[in-house]
Amino acid sequence: MPAAPTHPRRYAPMTRTLHWVVAVMVIAMLPVGAIMVSDGLARPTQDVLFILHKNGGVVILALVIMRLAWRARNPAPPMPAGISPLQAGAARAAHWALYALLLVMAISGYIRVRAGGFPIEMLDALGLPTVIPRSDALAQTAKTIHANARFALAGLILVHIGAAMMHLMRRDGVFGRIWPPFGKAGQ
């Protein structure tokens, strides 16, 4: 097996674009989700936040599915030389855990909303049918999963950002592989 290059290839522009769009959306969704259920929030403000959160979740789900389909055909570039197999394995596990948690969050949110009998304005405008039956018990289960999985997702995002910052400071070539598809590549 050939050694990993000293200066590894970057991820494809599509991968980098999807990564950063999803990252920005997810990081925005976490506080929106927390604020929208706050006590004392004016109903019009709460309604806008719920609409943003529900429809943003649909967009994130579509983007994550696109990212997984793209990833299946475009594997990650090799890690730079000097990255230990243990560190590379931990990175792979963290990335797949992020994908899994993003899917859990989007699907549980969808089920919670639809089983609760609420609209998802974007999907309704497209005329897409509701595939989840109305069920208070199912809505409550999905709500619990969604509420608890957010902590795991937020924690893993913090670990991911911490690892990215470590690689940026070490200038070991890992960070530059995913730096946005515009501008100068970071190290």
N, C-alpha and C. Protein backbone atom coordinates (compact mmCIF):
# COMPACT_ATOMS: atom_id res chain seq x y z
N MET A 1 0.85 -1.18 0.00
CA MET A 1 0.00 0.00 0.00
C MET A 1 0.90 1.24 0.00
N PRO A 2 0.64 2.18 -0.92
CA PRO A 2 1.51 3.36 -0.99
C PRO A 2 1.33 4.24 0.24
N ALA A 3 2.40 4.92 0.59
CA ALA A 3 2.37 5.83 1.74
C ALA A 3 1.51 7.04 1.42
N ALA A 4 0.89 7.61 2.45
CA ALA A 4 0.08 8.82 2.28
C ALA A 4 1.00 9.96 1.85
N PRO A 5 0.53 10.78 0.95
CA PRO A 5 1.38 11.89 0.49
C PRO A 5 1.62 12.88 1.63
N THR A 6 2.76 13.59 1.56
CA THR A 6 3.06 14.61 2.55
C THR A 6 2.05 15.74 2.45
N HIS A 7 1.69 16.14 1.23
CA HIS A 7 0.68 17.17 1.01
C HIS A 7 -0.52 16.49 0.37
N PRO A 8 -1.49 16.07 1.19
CA PRO A 8 -2.60 15.27 0.66
C PRO A 8 -3.51 16.07 -0.26
N ARG A 9 -4.20 15.31 -1.09
CA ARG A 9 -5.22 15.93 -1.92
C ARG A 9 -6.29 16.52 -1.00
N ARG A 10 -6.97 17.51 -1.52
CA ARG A 10 -8.10 18.08 -0.81
C ARG A 10 -9.35 17.27 -1.15
N TYR A 11 -10.35 17.42 -0.33
CA TYR A 11 -11.65 16.86 -0.69
C TYR A 11 -12.13 17.57 -1.95
N ALA A 12 -13.01 16.94 -2.69
CA ALA A 12 -13.57 17.53 -3.91
C ALA A 12 -14.34 18.80 -3.54
N PRO A 13 -14.40 19.76 -4.44
CA PRO A 13 -15.16 20.99 -4.15
C PRO A 13 -16.60 20.72 -3.70
N MET A 14 -17.26 19.74 -4.29
CA MET A 14 -18.63 19.42 -3.88
C MET A 14 -18.66 18.97 -2.42
N THR A 15 -17.71 18.13 -2.02
CA THR A 15 -17.65 17.67 -0.63
C THR A 15 -17.44 18.85 0.30
N ARG A 16 -16.53 19.72 -0.05
CA ARG A 16 -16.24 20.88 0.81
C ARG A 16 -17.43 21.81 0.89
N THR A 17 -18.12 22.02 -0.23
CA THR A 17 -19.30 22.87 -0.23
C THR A 17 -20.38 22.28 0.66
N LEU A 18 -20.67 21.01 0.48
CA LEU A 18 -21.70 20.37 1.31
C LEU A 18 -21.31 20.41 2.79
N HIS A 19 -20.04 20.16 3.09
CA HIS A 19 -19.58 20.19 4.48
C HIS A 19 -19.87 21.53 5.12
N TRP A 20 -19.46 22.61 4.46
CA TRP A 20 -19.59 23.93 5.06
C TRP A 20 -21.02 24.44 5.09
N VAL A 21 -21.81 24.12 4.09
CA VAL A 21 -23.23 24.53 4.11
C VAL A 21 -23.94 23.81 5.26
N VAL A 22 -23.73 22.51 5.38
CA VAL A 22 -24.35 21.76 6.47
C VAL A 22 -23.84 22.26 7.82
N ALA A 23 -22.54 22.50 7.92
CA ALA A 23 -21.97 22.98 9.19
C ALA A 23 -22.62 24.28 9.63
N VAL A 24 -22.72 25.23 8.73
CA VAL A 24 -23.32 26.52 9.08
C VAL A 24 -24.79 26.34 9.46
N MET A 25 -25.51 25.54 8.69
CA MET A 25 -26.93 25.33 8.98
C MET A 25 -27.14 24.65 10.33
N VAL A 26 -26.36 23.61 10.61
CA VAL A 26 -26.52 22.88 11.86
C VAL A 26 -26.16 23.76 13.05
N ILE A 27 -25.07 24.49 12.93
CA ILE A 27 -24.67 25.37 14.03
C ILE A 27 -25.73 26.45 14.27
N ALA A 28 -26.40 26.90 13.22
CA ALA A 28 -27.49 27.87 13.38
C ALA A 28 -28.74 27.22 13.97
N MET A 29 -28.98 25.97 13.61
CA MET A 29 -30.20 25.28 14.07
C MET A 29 -30.19 24.99 15.56
N LEU A 30 -29.03 24.74 16.13
CA LEU A 30 -28.97 24.41 17.56
C LEU A 30 -29.54 25.53 18.43
N PRO A 31 -29.08 26.79 18.28
CA PRO A 31 -29.69 27.83 19.11
C PRO A 31 -31.14 28.14 18.73
N VAL A 32 -31.47 28.06 17.44
CA VAL A 32 -32.86 28.30 17.03
C VAL A 32 -33.77 27.30 17.73
N GLY A 33 -33.36 26.03 17.74
CA GLY A 33 -34.16 25.00 18.40
C GLY A 33 -34.31 25.25 19.90
N ALA A 34 -33.27 25.74 20.53
CA ALA A 34 -33.34 26.01 21.97
C ALA A 34 -34.20 27.24 22.25
N ILE A 35 -34.05 28.27 21.45
CA ILE A 35 -34.78 29.52 21.68
C ILE A 35 -36.27 29.35 21.40
N MET A 36 -36.63 28.60 20.36
CA MET A 36 -38.03 28.50 19.95
C MET A 36 -38.92 27.86 21.01
N VAL A 37 -38.36 27.12 21.94
CA VAL A 37 -39.16 26.49 22.99
C VAL A 37 -39.03 27.22 24.33
N SER A 38 -38.42 28.40 24.30
CA SER A 38 -38.23 29.18 25.52
C SER A 38 -39.56 29.71 26.05
N ASP A 39 -39.70 29.74 27.35
CA ASP A 39 -40.87 30.33 27.98
C ASP A 39 -40.87 31.84 27.77
N GLY A 40 -42.06 32.39 27.56
CA GLY A 40 -42.20 33.83 27.47
C GLY A 40 -41.88 34.42 26.11
N LEU A 41 -41.56 33.59 25.15
CA LEU A 41 -41.24 34.08 23.81
C LEU A 41 -42.55 34.49 23.12
N ALA A 42 -42.54 35.64 22.47
CA ALA A 42 -43.74 36.11 21.77
C ALA A 42 -44.13 35.08 20.70
N ARG A 43 -45.43 34.80 20.61
CA ARG A 43 -45.91 33.76 19.69
C ARG A 43 -45.49 34.01 18.23
N PRO A 44 -45.57 35.24 17.70
CA PRO A 44 -45.12 35.44 16.31
C PRO A 44 -43.64 35.09 16.12
N THR A 45 -42.81 35.43 17.09
CA THR A 45 -41.38 35.10 17.02
C THR A 45 -41.20 33.59 17.09
N GLN A 46 -41.93 32.96 18.00
CA GLN A 46 -41.85 31.51 18.14
C GLN A 46 -42.28 30.81 16.85
N ASP A 47 -43.35 31.30 16.23
CA ASP A 47 -43.83 30.70 14.98
C ASP A 47 -42.77 30.77 13.88
N VAL A 48 -42.12 31.92 13.75
CA VAL A 48 -41.07 32.09 12.73
C VAL A 48 -39.92 31.12 13.01
N LEU A 49 -39.52 31.00 14.27
CA LEU A 49 -38.42 30.10 14.62
C LEU A 49 -38.79 28.65 14.35
N PHE A 50 -40.02 28.25 14.67
CA PHE A 50 -40.45 26.88 14.39
C PHE A 50 -40.42 26.61 12.88
N ILE A 51 -40.91 27.56 12.10
CA ILE A 51 -40.90 27.38 10.64
C ILE A 51 -39.47 27.26 10.12
N LEU A 52 -38.58 28.13 10.60
CA LEU A 52 -37.17 28.04 10.19
C LEU A 52 -36.56 26.69 10.58
N HIS A 53 -36.84 26.26 11.80
CA HIS A 53 -36.25 25.02 12.31
C HIS A 53 -36.76 23.80 11.53
N LYS A 54 -38.07 23.72 11.34
CA LYS A 54 -38.64 22.56 10.63
C LYS A 54 -38.14 22.49 9.19
N ASN A 55 -38.22 23.60 8.50
CA ASN A 55 -37.83 23.61 7.09
C ASN A 55 -36.32 23.52 6.92
N GLY A 56 -35.56 24.11 7.84
CA GLY A 56 -34.11 23.95 7.83
C GLY A 56 -33.72 22.49 8.03
N GLY A 57 -34.46 21.79 8.89
CA GLY A 57 -34.19 20.36 9.10
C GLY A 57 -34.39 19.55 7.84
N VAL A 58 -35.40 19.90 7.06
CA VAL A 58 -35.64 19.20 5.79
C VAL A 58 -34.47 19.44 4.84
N VAL A 59 -34.01 20.69 4.77
CA VAL A 59 -32.87 21.02 3.90
C VAL A 59 -31.62 20.27 4.36
N ILE A 60 -31.38 20.26 5.66
CA ILE A 60 -30.21 19.54 6.19
C ILE A 60 -30.31 18.05 5.85
N LEU A 61 -31.49 17.46 6.03
CA LEU A 61 -31.65 16.04 5.70
C LEU A 61 -31.31 15.79 4.23
N ALA A 62 -31.83 16.63 3.34
CA ALA A 62 -31.54 16.46 1.92
C ALA A 62 -30.05 16.60 1.63
N LEU A 63 -29.41 17.58 2.27
CA LEU A 63 -27.98 17.79 2.05
C LEU A 63 -27.14 16.64 2.61
N VAL A 64 -27.52 16.10 3.75
CA VAL A 64 -26.78 14.97 4.33
C VAL A 64 -26.93 13.74 3.44
N ILE A 65 -28.12 13.52 2.93
CA ILE A 65 -28.32 12.39 2.00
C ILE A 65 -27.47 12.59 0.75
N MET A 66 -27.46 13.82 0.22
CA MET A 66 -26.61 14.12 -0.94
C MET A 66 -25.15 13.87 -0.59
N ARG A 67 -24.75 14.30 0.59
CA ARG A 67 -23.35 14.15 1.00
C ARG A 67 -22.97 12.68 1.10
N LEU A 68 -23.85 11.86 1.68
CA LEU A 68 -23.57 10.43 1.80
C LEU A 68 -23.51 9.77 0.43
N ALA A 69 -24.42 10.15 -0.46
CA ALA A 69 -24.40 9.59 -1.82
C ALA A 69 -23.12 10.00 -2.53
N TRP A 70 -22.74 11.26 -2.39
CA TRP A 70 -21.51 11.75 -3.00
C TRP A 70 -20.30 11.03 -2.42
N ARG A 71 -20.31 10.87 -1.10
CA ARG A 71 -19.18 10.23 -0.41
C ARG A 71 -19.01 8.78 -0.85
N ALA A 72 -20.11 8.11 -1.13
CA ALA A 72 -20.04 6.71 -1.59
C ALA A 72 -19.28 6.61 -2.92
N ARG A 73 -19.35 7.64 -3.73
CA ARG A 73 -18.67 7.62 -5.03
C ARG A 73 -17.36 8.38 -5.03
N ASN A 74 -17.12 9.17 -3.98
CA ASN A 74 -15.92 10.00 -3.89
C ASN A 74 -15.31 9.87 -2.50
N PRO A 75 -14.51 8.86 -2.29
CA PRO A 75 -13.96 8.63 -0.95
C PRO A 75 -13.04 9.76 -0.50
N ALA A 76 -12.83 9.80 0.80
CA ALA A 76 -11.96 10.82 1.38
C ALA A 76 -10.54 10.66 0.86
N PRO A 77 -9.84 11.77 0.67
CA PRO A 77 -8.44 11.67 0.28
C PRO A 77 -7.63 11.08 1.43
N PRO A 78 -6.47 10.53 1.12
CA PRO A 78 -5.67 9.93 2.19
C PRO A 78 -5.22 10.98 3.21
N MET A 79 -5.04 10.50 4.42
CA MET A 79 -4.54 11.39 5.47
C MET A 79 -3.08 11.73 5.17
N PRO A 80 -2.65 12.90 5.66
CA PRO A 80 -1.24 13.26 5.47
C PRO A 80 -0.33 12.29 6.21
N ALA A 81 0.90 12.20 5.72
CA ALA A 81 1.91 11.38 6.41
C ALA A 81 2.06 11.93 7.82
N GLY A 82 2.27 11.08 8.76
CA GLY A 82 2.48 11.52 10.14
C GLY A 82 1.23 11.43 11.00
N ILE A 83 0.07 11.21 10.39
CA ILE A 83 -1.15 11.03 11.18
C ILE A 83 -1.22 9.56 11.56
N SER A 84 -1.28 9.30 12.84
CA SER A 84 -1.26 7.91 13.32
C SER A 84 -2.51 7.16 12.88
N PRO A 85 -2.40 5.84 12.74
CA PRO A 85 -3.58 5.04 12.40
C PRO A 85 -4.70 5.20 13.45
N LEU A 86 -4.33 5.34 14.71
CA LEU A 86 -5.34 5.53 15.76
C LEU A 86 -6.09 6.85 15.55
N GLN A 87 -5.34 7.91 15.26
CA GLN A 87 -5.96 9.21 15.03
C GLN A 87 -6.83 9.19 13.77
N ALA A 88 -6.36 8.55 12.73
CA ALA A 88 -7.14 8.44 11.49
C ALA A 88 -8.42 7.64 11.73
N GLY A 89 -8.32 6.57 12.51
CA GLY A 89 -9.51 5.77 12.84
C GLY A 89 -10.50 6.56 13.68
N ALA A 90 -10.00 7.33 14.64
CA ALA A 90 -10.88 8.16 15.46
C ALA A 90 -11.58 9.21 14.61
N ALA A 91 -10.87 9.77 13.64
CA ALA A 91 -11.48 10.76 12.75
C ALA A 91 -12.59 10.12 11.91
N ARG A 92 -12.32 8.93 11.37
CA ARG A 92 -13.35 8.23 10.58
C ARG A 92 -14.58 7.95 11.44
N ALA A 93 -14.36 7.45 12.64
CA ALA A 93 -15.48 7.14 13.55
C ALA A 93 -16.27 8.40 13.89
N ALA A 94 -15.58 9.49 14.16
CA ALA A 94 -16.27 10.74 14.49
C ALA A 94 -17.09 11.25 13.30
N HIS A 95 -16.54 11.14 12.10
CA HIS A 95 -17.28 11.60 10.93
C HIS A 95 -18.54 10.76 10.71
N TRP A 96 -18.43 9.45 10.82
CA TRP A 96 -19.61 8.61 10.64
C TRP A 96 -20.62 8.82 11.76
N ALA A 97 -20.14 9.10 12.98
CA ALA A 97 -21.06 9.41 14.08
C ALA A 97 -21.79 10.73 13.81
N LEU A 98 -21.08 11.70 13.24
CA LEU A 98 -21.74 12.96 12.88
C LEU A 98 -22.83 12.73 11.84
N TYR A 99 -22.52 11.95 10.81
CA TYR A 99 -23.53 11.63 9.80
C TYR A 99 -24.74 10.97 10.47
N ALA A 100 -24.49 9.98 11.32
CA ALA A 100 -25.58 9.24 11.97
C ALA A 100 -26.43 10.18 12.83
N LEU A 101 -25.78 11.03 13.62
CA LEU A 101 -26.53 11.95 14.47
C LEU A 101 -27.31 12.98 13.66
N LEU A 102 -26.75 13.44 12.56
CA LEU A 102 -27.50 14.37 11.71
C LEU A 102 -28.74 13.70 11.14
N LEU A 103 -28.61 12.43 10.75
CA LEU A 103 -29.79 11.69 10.26
C LEU A 103 -30.80 11.47 11.38
N VAL A 104 -30.33 11.09 12.57
CA VAL A 104 -31.23 10.88 13.71
C VAL A 104 -31.99 12.18 14.02
N MET A 105 -31.27 13.28 14.05
CA MET A 105 -31.92 14.56 14.35
C MET A 105 -32.96 14.92 13.30
N ALA A 106 -32.62 14.82 12.03
CA ALA A 106 -33.55 15.21 10.97
C ALA A 106 -34.76 14.28 10.92
N ILE A 107 -34.52 12.99 11.03
CA ILE A 107 -35.63 12.04 10.94
C ILE A 107 -36.53 12.12 12.17
N SER A 108 -35.93 12.22 13.36
CA SER A 108 -36.76 12.32 14.56
C SER A 108 -37.54 13.64 14.57
N GLY A 109 -36.93 14.71 14.07
CA GLY A 109 -37.65 15.97 13.97
C GLY A 109 -38.83 15.87 13.01
N TYR A 110 -38.59 15.24 11.87
CA TYR A 110 -39.66 15.05 10.88
C TYR A 110 -40.81 14.23 11.49
N ILE A 111 -40.45 13.12 12.14
CA ILE A 111 -41.48 12.26 12.74
C ILE A 111 -42.23 13.01 13.83
N ARG A 112 -41.51 13.75 14.67
CA ARG A 112 -42.16 14.50 15.75
C ARG A 112 -43.20 15.48 15.19
N VAL A 113 -42.81 16.21 14.14
CA VAL A 113 -43.70 17.21 13.56
C VAL A 113 -44.90 16.54 12.88
N ARG A 114 -44.64 15.58 12.03
CA ARG A 114 -45.73 14.95 11.27
C ARG A 114 -46.64 14.11 12.17
N ALA A 115 -46.08 13.34 13.09
CA ALA A 115 -46.91 12.55 14.00
C ALA A 115 -47.71 13.46 14.93
N GLY A 116 -47.19 14.64 15.20
CA GLY A 116 -47.89 15.61 16.01
C GLY A 116 -48.97 16.37 15.25
N GLY A 117 -49.06 16.13 13.96
CA GLY A 117 -50.09 16.77 13.15
C GLY A 117 -49.75 18.18 12.70
N PHE A 118 -48.48 18.53 12.71
CA PHE A 118 -48.06 19.87 12.35
C PHE A 118 -47.58 19.91 10.90
N PRO A 119 -47.62 21.08 10.29
CA PRO A 119 -47.16 21.20 8.90
C PRO A 119 -45.64 21.32 8.82
N ILE A 120 -45.13 20.96 7.68
CA ILE A 120 -43.77 21.31 7.28
C ILE A 120 -43.98 22.07 5.98
N GLU A 121 -43.95 23.37 6.11
CA GLU A 121 -44.41 24.27 5.05
C GLU A 121 -43.76 23.99 3.70
N MET A 122 -42.47 23.75 3.68
CA MET A 122 -41.76 23.51 2.42
C MET A 122 -42.29 22.26 1.73
N LEU A 123 -42.44 21.19 2.49
CA LEU A 123 -42.93 19.93 1.91
C LEU A 123 -44.39 20.04 1.51
N ASP A 124 -45.17 20.75 2.32
CA ASP A 124 -46.59 20.93 1.99
C ASP A 124 -46.74 21.75 0.71
N ALA A 125 -45.91 22.78 0.54
CA ALA A 125 -45.97 23.62 -0.66
C ALA A 125 -45.61 22.82 -1.91
N LEU A 126 -44.75 21.81 -1.73
CA LEU A 126 -44.38 20.95 -2.86
C LEU A 126 -45.41 19.86 -3.12
N GLY A 127 -46.40 19.77 -2.25
CA GLY A 127 -47.45 18.76 -2.41
C GLY A 127 -47.02 17.36 -2.00
N LEU A 128 -45.95 17.27 -1.21
CA LEU A 128 -45.49 15.94 -0.78
C LEU A 128 -46.38 15.42 0.34
N PRO A 129 -46.80 14.18 0.23
CA PRO A 129 -47.71 13.63 1.23
C PRO A 129 -47.00 13.36 2.56
N THR A 130 -47.79 13.38 3.62
CA THR A 130 -47.29 13.01 4.94
C THR A 130 -47.22 11.49 4.98
N VAL A 131 -46.06 10.94 5.31
CA VAL A 131 -45.91 9.49 5.34
C VAL A 131 -45.93 8.93 6.76
N ILE A 132 -46.12 9.80 7.73
CA ILE A 132 -46.15 9.40 9.13
C ILE A 132 -47.58 9.56 9.64
N PRO A 133 -48.13 8.53 10.27
CA PRO A 133 -49.49 8.67 10.79
C PRO A 133 -49.54 9.60 12.00
N ARG A 134 -50.66 10.23 12.21
CA ARG A 134 -50.87 11.09 13.37
C ARG A 134 -50.90 10.20 14.61
N SER A 135 -50.00 10.48 15.55
CA SER A 135 -49.90 9.66 16.76
C SER A 135 -49.19 10.46 17.84
N ASP A 136 -49.92 10.77 18.92
CA ASP A 136 -49.30 11.51 20.02
C ASP A 136 -48.16 10.72 20.66
N ALA A 137 -48.32 9.41 20.77
CA ALA A 137 -47.27 8.58 21.39
C ALA A 137 -46.01 8.59 20.52
N LEU A 138 -46.18 8.44 19.21
CA LEU A 138 -45.04 8.46 18.30
C LEU A 138 -44.38 9.85 18.30
N ALA A 139 -45.19 10.90 18.32
CA ALA A 139 -44.66 12.26 18.35
C ALA A 139 -43.84 12.48 19.62
N GLN A 140 -44.33 11.97 20.75
CA GLN A 140 -43.62 12.15 22.01
C GLN A 140 -42.30 11.38 22.02
N THR A 141 -42.30 10.17 21.49
CA THR A 141 -41.07 9.38 21.40
C THR A 141 -40.05 10.08 20.52
N ALA A 142 -40.49 10.56 19.36
CA ALA A 142 -39.58 11.27 18.45
C ALA A 142 -39.07 12.56 19.08
N LYS A 143 -39.93 13.24 19.82
CA LYS A 143 -39.53 14.48 20.50
C LYS A 143 -38.44 14.19 21.53
N THR A 144 -38.59 13.10 22.27
CA THR A 144 -37.60 12.71 23.27
C THR A 144 -36.26 12.37 22.61
N ILE A 145 -36.32 11.60 21.53
CA ILE A 145 -35.09 11.25 20.80
C ILE A 145 -34.42 12.52 20.28
N HIS A 146 -35.20 13.41 19.67
CA HIS A 146 -34.68 14.65 19.11
C HIS A 146 -34.03 15.51 20.19
N ALA A 147 -34.72 15.64 21.32
CA ALA A 147 -34.22 16.48 22.41
C ALA A 147 -32.94 15.93 23.02
N ASN A 148 -32.83 14.62 23.14
CA ASN A 148 -31.64 14.01 23.74
C ASN A 148 -30.47 13.91 22.77
N ALA A 149 -30.76 13.62 21.51
CA ALA A 149 -29.69 13.48 20.52
C ALA A 149 -28.98 14.81 20.27
N ARG A 150 -29.66 15.92 20.53
CA ARG A 150 -29.02 17.23 20.30
C ARG A 150 -27.79 17.40 21.17
N PHE A 151 -27.80 16.82 22.38
CA PHE A 151 -26.65 16.95 23.27
C PHE A 151 -25.46 16.16 22.72
N ALA A 152 -25.73 14.96 22.23
CA ALA A 152 -24.65 14.17 21.62
C ALA A 152 -24.11 14.88 20.38
N LEU A 153 -25.02 15.43 19.56
CA LEU A 153 -24.59 16.13 18.35
C LEU A 153 -23.77 17.36 18.71
N ALA A 154 -24.26 18.17 19.65
CA ALA A 154 -23.52 19.38 20.04
C ALA A 154 -22.15 19.01 20.60
N GLY A 155 -22.09 17.97 21.43
CA GLY A 155 -20.80 17.54 21.98
C GLY A 155 -19.84 17.08 20.90
N LEU A 156 -20.33 16.30 19.96
CA LEU A 156 -19.47 15.80 18.88
C LEU A 156 -19.04 16.94 17.96
N ILE A 157 -19.91 17.92 17.75
CA ILE A 157 -19.51 19.09 16.96
C ILE A 157 -18.38 19.83 17.65
N LEU A 158 -18.47 19.99 18.96
CA LEU A 158 -17.40 20.67 19.70
C LEU A 158 -16.08 19.90 19.60
N VAL A 159 -16.14 18.57 19.70
CA VAL A 159 -14.94 17.75 19.54
C VAL A 159 -14.38 17.91 18.13
N HIS A 160 -15.26 17.90 17.14
CA HIS A 160 -14.86 18.05 15.74
C HIS A 160 -14.17 19.40 15.51
N ILE A 161 -14.77 20.46 16.02
CA ILE A 161 -14.18 21.80 15.88
C ILE A 161 -12.84 21.86 16.62
N GLY A 162 -12.79 21.27 17.80
CA GLY A 162 -11.53 21.25 18.55
C GLY A 162 -10.43 20.53 17.79
N ALA A 163 -10.77 19.39 17.20
CA ALA A 163 -9.78 18.65 16.41
C ALA A 163 -9.35 19.46 15.19
N ALA A 164 -10.31 20.13 14.54
CA ALA A 164 -9.98 20.96 13.38
C ALA A 164 -9.01 22.08 13.77
N MET A 165 -9.27 22.71 14.91
CA MET A 165 -8.39 23.79 15.37
C MET A 165 -7.00 23.26 15.72
N MET A 166 -6.95 22.07 16.30
CA MET A 166 -5.66 21.46 16.61
C MET A 166 -4.86 21.23 15.31
N HIS A 167 -5.53 20.69 14.29
CA HIS A 167 -4.84 20.45 13.01
C HIS A 167 -4.44 21.76 12.35
N LEU A 168 -5.27 22.79 12.48
CA LEU A 168 -4.93 24.09 11.92
C LEU A 168 -3.67 24.63 12.60
N MET A 169 -3.62 24.54 13.92
CA MET A 169 -2.44 25.05 14.66
C MET A 169 -1.19 24.21 14.37
N ARG A 170 -1.36 22.91 14.22
CA ARG A 170 -0.21 22.05 13.90
C ARG A 170 0.25 22.20 12.46
N ARG A 171 -0.63 22.71 11.63
CA ARG A 171 -0.33 22.88 10.21
C ARG A 171 0.15 21.55 9.59
N ASP A 172 -0.59 20.50 9.91
CA ASP A 172 -0.20 19.16 9.45
C ASP A 172 -0.88 18.73 8.16
N GLY A 173 -1.66 19.62 7.55
CA GLY A 173 -2.29 19.31 6.26
C GLY A 173 -3.71 18.80 6.35
N VAL A 174 -4.18 18.45 7.55
CA VAL A 174 -5.53 17.89 7.67
C VAL A 174 -6.58 18.98 7.45
N PHE A 175 -6.43 20.11 8.08
CA PHE A 175 -7.42 21.18 7.98
C PHE A 175 -7.58 21.66 6.54
N GLY A 176 -6.50 21.79 5.81
CA GLY A 176 -6.55 22.29 4.44
C GLY A 176 -7.31 21.39 3.49
N ARG A 177 -7.49 20.12 3.86
CA ARG A 177 -8.22 19.20 2.98
C ARG A 177 -9.69 19.57 2.85
N ILE A 178 -10.28 20.19 3.89
CA ILE A 178 -11.71 20.49 3.89
C ILE A 178 -12.01 21.98 3.86
N TRP A 179 -10.96 22.83 3.89
CA TRP A 179 -11.18 24.26 3.88
C TRP A 179 -12.13 24.61 2.73
N PRO A 180 -12.99 25.62 2.91
CA PRO A 180 -14.01 25.90 1.89
C PRO A 180 -13.45 25.96 0.48
N PRO A 181 -14.32 25.66 -0.49
CA PRO A 181 -13.89 25.58 -1.89
C PRO A 181 -13.62 26.93 -2.53
N PHE A 182 -13.59 27.97 -1.74
CA PHE A 182 -13.28 29.29 -2.25
C PHE A 182 -12.14 29.86 -1.43
N GLY A 183 -11.45 30.79 -1.99
CA GLY A 183 -10.34 31.41 -1.26
C GLY A 183 -9.13 30.51 -1.17
N LYS A 184 -8.15 30.95 -0.38
CA LYS A 184 -6.89 30.22 -0.23
C LYS A 184 -7.08 29.06 0.74
N ALA A 185 -6.47 27.93 0.45
CA ALA A 185 -6.56 26.76 1.33
C ALA A 185 -5.80 27.00 2.60
N GLY A 186 -6.43 26.65 3.72
CA GLY A 186 -5.72 26.72 5.01
C GLY A 186 -4.86 25.48 5.18
N GLN A 187 -3.99 25.50 6.14
CA GLN A 187 -3.14 24.35 6.44
C GLN A 187 -3.77 23.64 7.59
